[in-house]
Amino acid sequence: MQFIVDESAGSAVVEYLRIAGHDVLAVSEAMPQADDQDILARARSERRILITNDKDFGDLVFRSGQSHHGVVLLRLHDESPANRVRVMKGLLEQYADRLADHFTVATEAAVRIRPARPLP
Protein backbone atom coordinates (compact mmCIF):
# COMPACT_ATOMS: atom_id res chain seq x y z
CA MET A 1 0.00 0.00 0.00
CA GLN A 2 1.03 3.61 -0.45
CA PHE A 3 0.98 5.91 2.56
CA ILE A 4 1.92 9.44 3.47
CA VAL A 5 2.63 9.79 7.19
CA ASP A 6 2.09 13.20 8.76
CA GLU A 7 4.71 14.45 11.21
CA SER A 8 2.17 14.11 14.03
CA ALA A 9 1.99 10.32 13.57
CA GLY A 10 5.69 9.92 14.27
CA SER A 11 8.74 8.21 12.85
CA ALA A 12 7.98 4.84 14.50
CA VAL A 13 4.89 4.49 12.28
CA VAL A 14 6.98 5.38 9.21
CA GLU A 15 9.62 2.80 10.15
CA TYR A 16 7.04 0.08 10.89
CA LEU A 17 5.25 0.60 7.56
CA ARG A 18 8.50 0.56 5.59
CA ILE A 19 9.67 -2.63 7.31
CA ALA A 20 6.28 -4.17 6.51
CA GLY A 21 6.96 -3.47 2.82
CA HIS A 22 4.74 -0.47 2.18
CA ASP A 23 5.60 2.54 0.02
CA VAL A 24 5.81 5.34 2.60
CA LEU A 25 6.33 9.06 2.11
CA ALA A 26 7.21 10.71 5.41
CA VAL A 27 6.14 14.35 5.60
CA SER A 28 9.05 15.00 7.99
CA GLU A 29 11.49 13.93 5.26
CA ALA A 30 9.84 15.08 2.03
CA MET A 31 7.96 18.22 3.02
CA PRO A 32 8.73 19.22 6.63
CA GLN A 33 6.31 21.64 8.27
CA ALA A 34 4.04 21.58 5.22
CA ASP A 35 0.56 23.03 5.42
CA ASP A 36 -2.22 20.48 6.00
CA GLN A 37 -3.89 21.36 2.69
CA ASP A 38 -0.62 20.75 0.82
CA ILE A 39 -0.17 17.39 2.57
CA LEU A 40 -3.72 16.33 1.70
CA ALA A 41 -3.28 17.50 -1.90
CA ARG A 42 -0.07 15.51 -2.31
CA ALA A 43 -1.65 12.44 -0.77
CA ARG A 44 -4.59 12.75 -3.16
CA SER A 45 -2.43 13.35 -6.26
CA GLU A 46 -0.16 10.38 -5.48
CA ARG A 47 -3.09 8.19 -4.35
CA ARG A 48 -1.60 7.72 -0.89
CA ILE A 49 -3.50 7.05 2.31
CA LEU A 50 -2.72 9.75 4.87
CA ILE A 51 -1.91 8.68 8.42
CA THR A 52 -2.15 11.42 11.03
CA ASN A 53 -2.95 12.30 14.63
CA ASP A 54 -4.12 15.78 13.58
CA LYS A 55 -7.89 16.34 13.81
CA ASP A 56 -7.57 19.29 11.43
CA PHE A 57 -7.62 16.82 8.54
CA GLY A 58 -11.13 15.82 9.60
CA ASP A 59 -12.16 19.46 9.30
CA LEU A 60 -10.61 19.68 5.83
CA VAL A 61 -12.45 16.58 4.67
CA PHE A 62 -15.84 16.99 6.32
CA ARG A 63 -16.27 20.74 6.79
CA SER A 64 -14.33 22.02 3.78
CA GLY A 65 -15.20 19.12 1.49
CA GLN A 66 -11.61 18.30 0.48
CA SER A 67 -11.33 15.06 -1.46
CA HIS A 68 -8.78 12.42 -0.50
CA HIS A 69 -7.63 8.91 -1.28
CA GLY A 70 -7.97 7.81 2.33
CA VAL A 71 -7.23 9.19 5.79
CA VAL A 72 -6.38 7.28 8.95
CA LEU A 73 -6.81 9.46 12.03
CA LEU A 74 -5.18 7.98 15.12
CA ARG A 75 -7.05 9.12 18.25
CA LEU A 76 -5.04 7.48 20.99
CA HIS A 77 -4.95 7.88 24.76
CA ASP A 78 -1.45 6.40 24.83
CA GLU A 79 0.60 8.40 22.32
CA SER A 80 3.76 6.33 22.78
CA PRO A 81 5.50 5.19 19.58
CA ALA A 82 4.97 1.54 20.56
CA ASN A 83 1.21 2.03 20.94
CA ARG A 84 0.94 3.93 17.65
CA VAL A 85 2.65 1.03 15.90
CA ARG A 86 0.49 -1.54 17.71
CA VAL A 87 -2.72 0.23 16.64
CA MET A 88 -1.50 0.60 13.02
CA LYS A 89 -0.50 -3.05 12.88
CA GLY A 90 -3.92 -4.15 14.13
CA LEU A 91 -5.66 -1.77 11.74
CA LEU A 92 -3.77 -3.15 8.75
CA GLU A 93 -4.31 -6.75 9.81
CA GLN A 94 -8.09 -6.30 10.05
CA TYR A 95 -9.00 -3.44 7.70
CA ALA A 96 -6.25 -2.97 5.07
CA ASP A 97 -8.69 -3.61 2.23
CA ARG A 98 -11.06 -0.87 3.49
CA LEU A 99 -8.65 2.04 4.08
CA ALA A 100 -8.42 3.42 0.54
CA ASP A 101 -11.10 6.00 -0.23
CA HIS A 102 -12.33 6.03 3.37
CA PHE A 103 -11.89 8.24 6.42
CA THR A 104 -10.89 5.95 9.26
CA VAL A 105 -10.67 6.84 12.94
CA ALA A 106 -8.72 4.33 15.00
CA THR A 107 -8.49 4.22 18.78
CA GLU A 108 -7.11 1.55 21.07
CA ALA A 109 -10.61 0.09 21.41
CA ALA A 110 -12.47 0.78 18.17
CA VAL A 111 -12.31 1.58 14.46
CA ARG A 112 -14.80 3.74 12.57
CA ILE A 113 -14.69 3.80 8.77
CA ARG A 114 -16.61 6.29 6.63
CA PRO A 115 -16.62 6.47 2.81
CA ALA A 116 -14.72 9.31 1.18
CA ARG A 117 -16.31 11.89 -1.00
CA PRO A 118 -15.84 11.14 -4.70
CA LEU A 119 -12.74 12.65 -6.31
CA PRO A 120 -13.48 15.58 -8.63
C-alpha atoms as a PDB file:
ATOM      1  CA  MET A   1       0.000   0.000   0.000  1.00  0.00           C
ATOM      2  CA  GLN A   2       1.033   3.606  -0.449  1.00  0.00           C
ATOM      3  CA  PHE A   3       0.980   5.906   2.557  1.00  0.00           C
ATOM      4  CA  ILE A   4       1.917   9.439   3.473  1.00  0.00           C
ATOM      5  CA  VAL A   5       2.626   9.795   7.188  1.00  0.00           C
ATOM      6  CA  ASP A   6       2.093  13.197   8.765  1.00  0.00           C
ATOM      7  CA  GLU A   7       4.709  14.446  11.208  1.00  0.00           C
ATOM      8  CA  SER A   8       2.167  14.107  14.033  1.00  0.00           C
ATOM      9  CA  ALA A   9       1.992  10.317  13.573  1.00  0.00           C
ATOM     10  CA  GLY A  10       5.688   9.920  14.270  1.00  0.00           C
ATOM     11  CA  SER A  11       8.738   8.208  12.854  1.00  0.00           C
ATOM     12  CA  ALA A  12       7.981   4.843  14.502  1.00  0.00           C
ATOM     13  CA  VAL A  13       4.892   4.493  12.277  1.00  0.00           C
ATOM     14  CA  VAL A  14       6.984   5.375   9.210  1.00  0.00           C
ATOM     15  CA  GLU A  15       9.619   2.805  10.148  1.00  0.00           C
ATOM     16  CA  TYR A  16       7.041   0.084  10.887  1.00  0.00           C
ATOM     17  CA  LEU A  17       5.248   0.599   7.563  1.00  0.00           C
ATOM     18  CA  ARG A  18       8.499   0.555   5.593  1.00  0.00           C
ATOM     19  CA  ILE A  19       9.671  -2.635   7.311  1.00  0.00           C
ATOM     20  CA  ALA A  20       6.276  -4.169   6.512  1.00  0.00           C
ATOM     21  CA  GLY A  21       6.965  -3.470   2.823  1.00  0.00           C
ATOM     22  CA  HIS A  22       4.736  -0.475   2.177  1.00  0.00           C
ATOM     23  CA  ASP A  23       5.598   2.544   0.025  1.00  0.00           C
ATOM     24  CA  VAL A  24       5.811   5.339   2.604  1.00  0.00           C
ATOM     25  CA  LEU A  25       6.334   9.057   2.106  1.00  0.00           C
ATOM     26  CA  ALA A  26       7.209  10.711   5.415  1.00  0.00           C
ATOM     27  CA  VAL A  27       6.141  14.353   5.598  1.00  0.00           C
ATOM     28  CA  SER A  28       9.050  14.996   7.992  1.00  0.00           C
ATOM     29  CA  GLU A  29      11.491  13.927   5.257  1.00  0.00           C
ATOM     30  CA  ALA A  30       9.842  15.075   2.034  1.00  0.00           C
ATOM     31  CA  MET A  31       7.961  18.224   3.017  1.00  0.00           C
ATOM     32  CA  PRO A  32       8.732  19.221   6.628  1.00  0.00           C
ATOM     33  CA  GLN A  33       6.307  21.644   8.268  1.00  0.00           C
ATOM     34  CA  ALA A  34       4.042  21.585   5.218  1.00  0.00           C
ATOM     35  CA  ASP A  35       0.558  23.031   5.419  1.00  0.00           C
ATOM     36  CA  ASP A  36      -2.221  20.482   6.002  1.00  0.00           C
ATOM     37  CA  GLN A  37      -3.892  21.360   2.687  1.00  0.00           C
ATOM     38  CA  ASP A  38      -0.622  20.750   0.822  1.00  0.00           C
ATOM     39  CA  ILE A  39      -0.173  17.390   2.570  1.00  0.00           C
ATOM     40  CA  LEU A  40      -3.715  16.327   1.703  1.00  0.00           C
ATOM     41  CA  ALA A  41      -3.280  17.504  -1.901  1.00  0.00           C
ATOM     42  CA  ARG A  42      -0.065  15.509  -2.312  1.00  0.00           C
ATOM     43  CA  ALA A  43      -1.650  12.437  -0.766  1.00  0.00           C
ATOM     44  CA  ARG A  44      -4.585  12.749  -3.163  1.00  0.00           C
ATOM     45  CA  SER A  45      -2.434  13.348  -6.265  1.00  0.00           C
ATOM     46  CA  GLU A  46      -0.163  10.375  -5.480  1.00  0.00           C
ATOM     47  CA  ARG A  47      -3.087   8.194  -4.350  1.00  0.00           C
ATOM     48  CA  ARG A  48      -1.604   7.723  -0.888  1.00  0.00           C
ATOM     49  CA  ILE A  49      -3.499   7.051   2.313  1.00  0.00           C
ATOM     50  CA  LEU A  50      -2.725   9.746   4.867  1.00  0.00           C
ATOM     51  CA  ILE A  51      -1.908   8.680   8.422  1.00  0.00           C
ATOM     52  CA  THR A  52      -2.150  11.423  11.034  1.00  0.00           C
ATOM     53  CA  ASN A  53      -2.952  12.304  14.628  1.00  0.00           C
ATOM     54  CA  ASP A  54      -4.121  15.779  13.581  1.00  0.00           C
ATOM     55  CA  LYS A  55      -7.894  16.337  13.814  1.00  0.00           C
ATOM     56  CA  ASP A  56      -7.573  19.294  11.429  1.00  0.00           C
ATOM     57  CA  PHE A  57      -7.619  16.819   8.543  1.00  0.00           C
ATOM     58  CA  GLY A  58     -11.132  15.819   9.599  1.00  0.00           C
ATOM     59  CA  ASP A  59     -12.158  19.456   9.300  1.00  0.00           C
ATOM     60  CA  LEU A  60     -10.614  19.680   5.829  1.00  0.00           C
ATOM     61  CA  VAL A  61     -12.451  16.577   4.672  1.00  0.00           C
ATOM     62  CA  PHE A  62     -15.844  16.995   6.322  1.00  0.00           C
ATOM     63  CA  ARG A  63     -16.275  20.743   6.787  1.00  0.00           C
ATOM     64  CA  SER A  64     -14.328  22.017   3.777  1.00  0.00           C
ATOM     65  CA  GLY A  65     -15.196  19.122   1.487  1.00  0.00           C
ATOM     66  CA  GLN A  66     -11.612  18.297   0.481  1.00  0.00           C
ATOM     67  CA  SER A  67     -11.328  15.063  -1.460  1.00  0.00           C
ATOM     68  CA  HIS A  68      -8.779  12.419  -0.500  1.00  0.00           C
ATOM     69  CA  HIS A  69      -7.626   8.909  -1.281  1.00  0.00           C
ATOM     70  CA  GLY A  70      -7.969   7.810   2.331  1.00  0.00           C
ATOM     71  CA  VAL A  71      -7.228   9.189   5.788  1.00  0.00           C
ATOM     72  CA  VAL A  72      -6.384   7.283   8.951  1.00  0.00           C
ATOM     73  CA  LEU A  73      -6.810   9.462  12.032  1.00  0.00           C
ATOM     74  CA  LEU A  74      -5.182   7.976  15.122  1.00  0.00           C
ATOM     75  CA  ARG A  75      -7.048   9.124  18.251  1.00  0.00           C
ATOM     76  CA  LEU A  76      -5.040   7.476  20.995  1.00  0.00           C
ATOM     77  CA  HIS A  77      -4.950   7.877  24.764  1.00  0.00           C
ATOM     78  CA  ASP A  78      -1.447   6.398  24.831  1.00  0.00           C
ATOM     79  CA  GLU A  79       0.596   8.399  22.316  1.00  0.00           C
ATOM     80  CA  SER A  80       3.765   6.327  22.780  1.00  0.00           C
ATOM     81  CA  PRO A  81       5.495   5.193  19.579  1.00  0.00           C
ATOM     82  CA  ALA A  82       4.973   1.538  20.559  1.00  0.00           C
ATOM     83  CA  ASN A  83       1.209   2.032  20.940  1.00  0.00           C
ATOM     84  CA  ARG A  84       0.939   3.927  17.647  1.00  0.00           C
ATOM     85  CA  VAL A  85       2.652   1.028  15.899  1.00  0.00           C
ATOM     86  CA  ARG A  86       0.490  -1.537  17.712  1.00  0.00           C
ATOM     87  CA  VAL A  87      -2.717   0.229  16.635  1.00  0.00           C
ATOM     88  CA  MET A  88      -1.497   0.601  13.023  1.00  0.00           C
ATOM     89  CA  LYS A  89      -0.498  -3.054  12.879  1.00  0.00           C
ATOM     90  CA  GLY A  90      -3.923  -4.150  14.125  1.00  0.00           C
ATOM     91  CA  LEU A  91      -5.663  -1.775  11.742  1.00  0.00           C
ATOM     92  CA  LEU A  92      -3.770  -3.154   8.754  1.00  0.00           C
ATOM     93  CA  GLU A  93      -4.311  -6.752   9.808  1.00  0.00           C
ATOM     94  CA  GLN A  94      -8.089  -6.298  10.045  1.00  0.00           C
ATOM     95  CA  TYR A  95      -8.996  -3.438   7.698  1.00  0.00           C
ATOM     96  CA  ALA A  96      -6.253  -2.966   5.066  1.00  0.00           C
ATOM     97  CA  ASP A  97      -8.693  -3.609   2.225  1.00  0.00           C
ATOM     98  CA  ARG A  98     -11.060  -0.871   3.485  1.00  0.00           C
ATOM     99  CA  LEU A  99      -8.655   2.045   4.081  1.00  0.00           C
ATOM    100  CA  ALA A 100      -8.422   3.415   0.536  1.00  0.00           C
ATOM    101  CA  ASP A 101     -11.097   5.995  -0.235  1.00  0.00           C
ATOM    102  CA  HIS A 102     -12.333   6.027   3.365  1.00  0.00           C
ATOM    103  CA  PHE A 103     -11.886   8.239   6.418  1.00  0.00           C
ATOM    104  CA  THR A 104     -10.889   5.946   9.259  1.00  0.00           C
ATOM    105  CA  VAL A 105     -10.675   6.842  12.941  1.00  0.00           C
ATOM    106  CA  ALA A 106      -8.716   4.332  14.999  1.00  0.00           C
ATOM    107  CA  THR A 107      -8.494   4.220  18.779  1.00  0.00           C
ATOM    108  CA  GLU A 108      -7.107   1.555  21.068  1.00  0.00           C
ATOM    109  CA  ALA A 109     -10.614   0.094  21.405  1.00  0.00           C
ATOM    110  CA  ALA A 110     -12.472   0.779  18.167  1.00  0.00           C
ATOM    111  CA  VAL A 111     -12.306   1.585  14.463  1.00  0.00           C
ATOM    112  CA  ARG A 112     -14.804   3.744  12.571  1.00  0.00           C
ATOM    113  CA  ILE A 113     -14.688   3.799   8.769  1.00  0.00           C
ATOM    114  CA  ARG A 114     -16.606   6.291   6.628  1.00  0.00           C
ATOM    115  CA  PRO A 115     -16.622   6.465   2.809  1.00  0.00           C
ATOM    116  CA  ALA A 116     -14.715   9.311   1.181  1.00  0.00           C
ATOM    117  CA  ARG A 117     -16.315  11.889  -1.000  1.00  0.00           C
ATOM    118  CA  PRO A 118     -15.844  11.139  -4.700  1.00  0.00           C
ATOM    119  CA  LEU A 119     -12.742  12.646  -6.313  1.00  0.00           C
ATOM    120  CA  PRO A 120     -13.480  15.576  -8.627  1.00  0.00           C
END
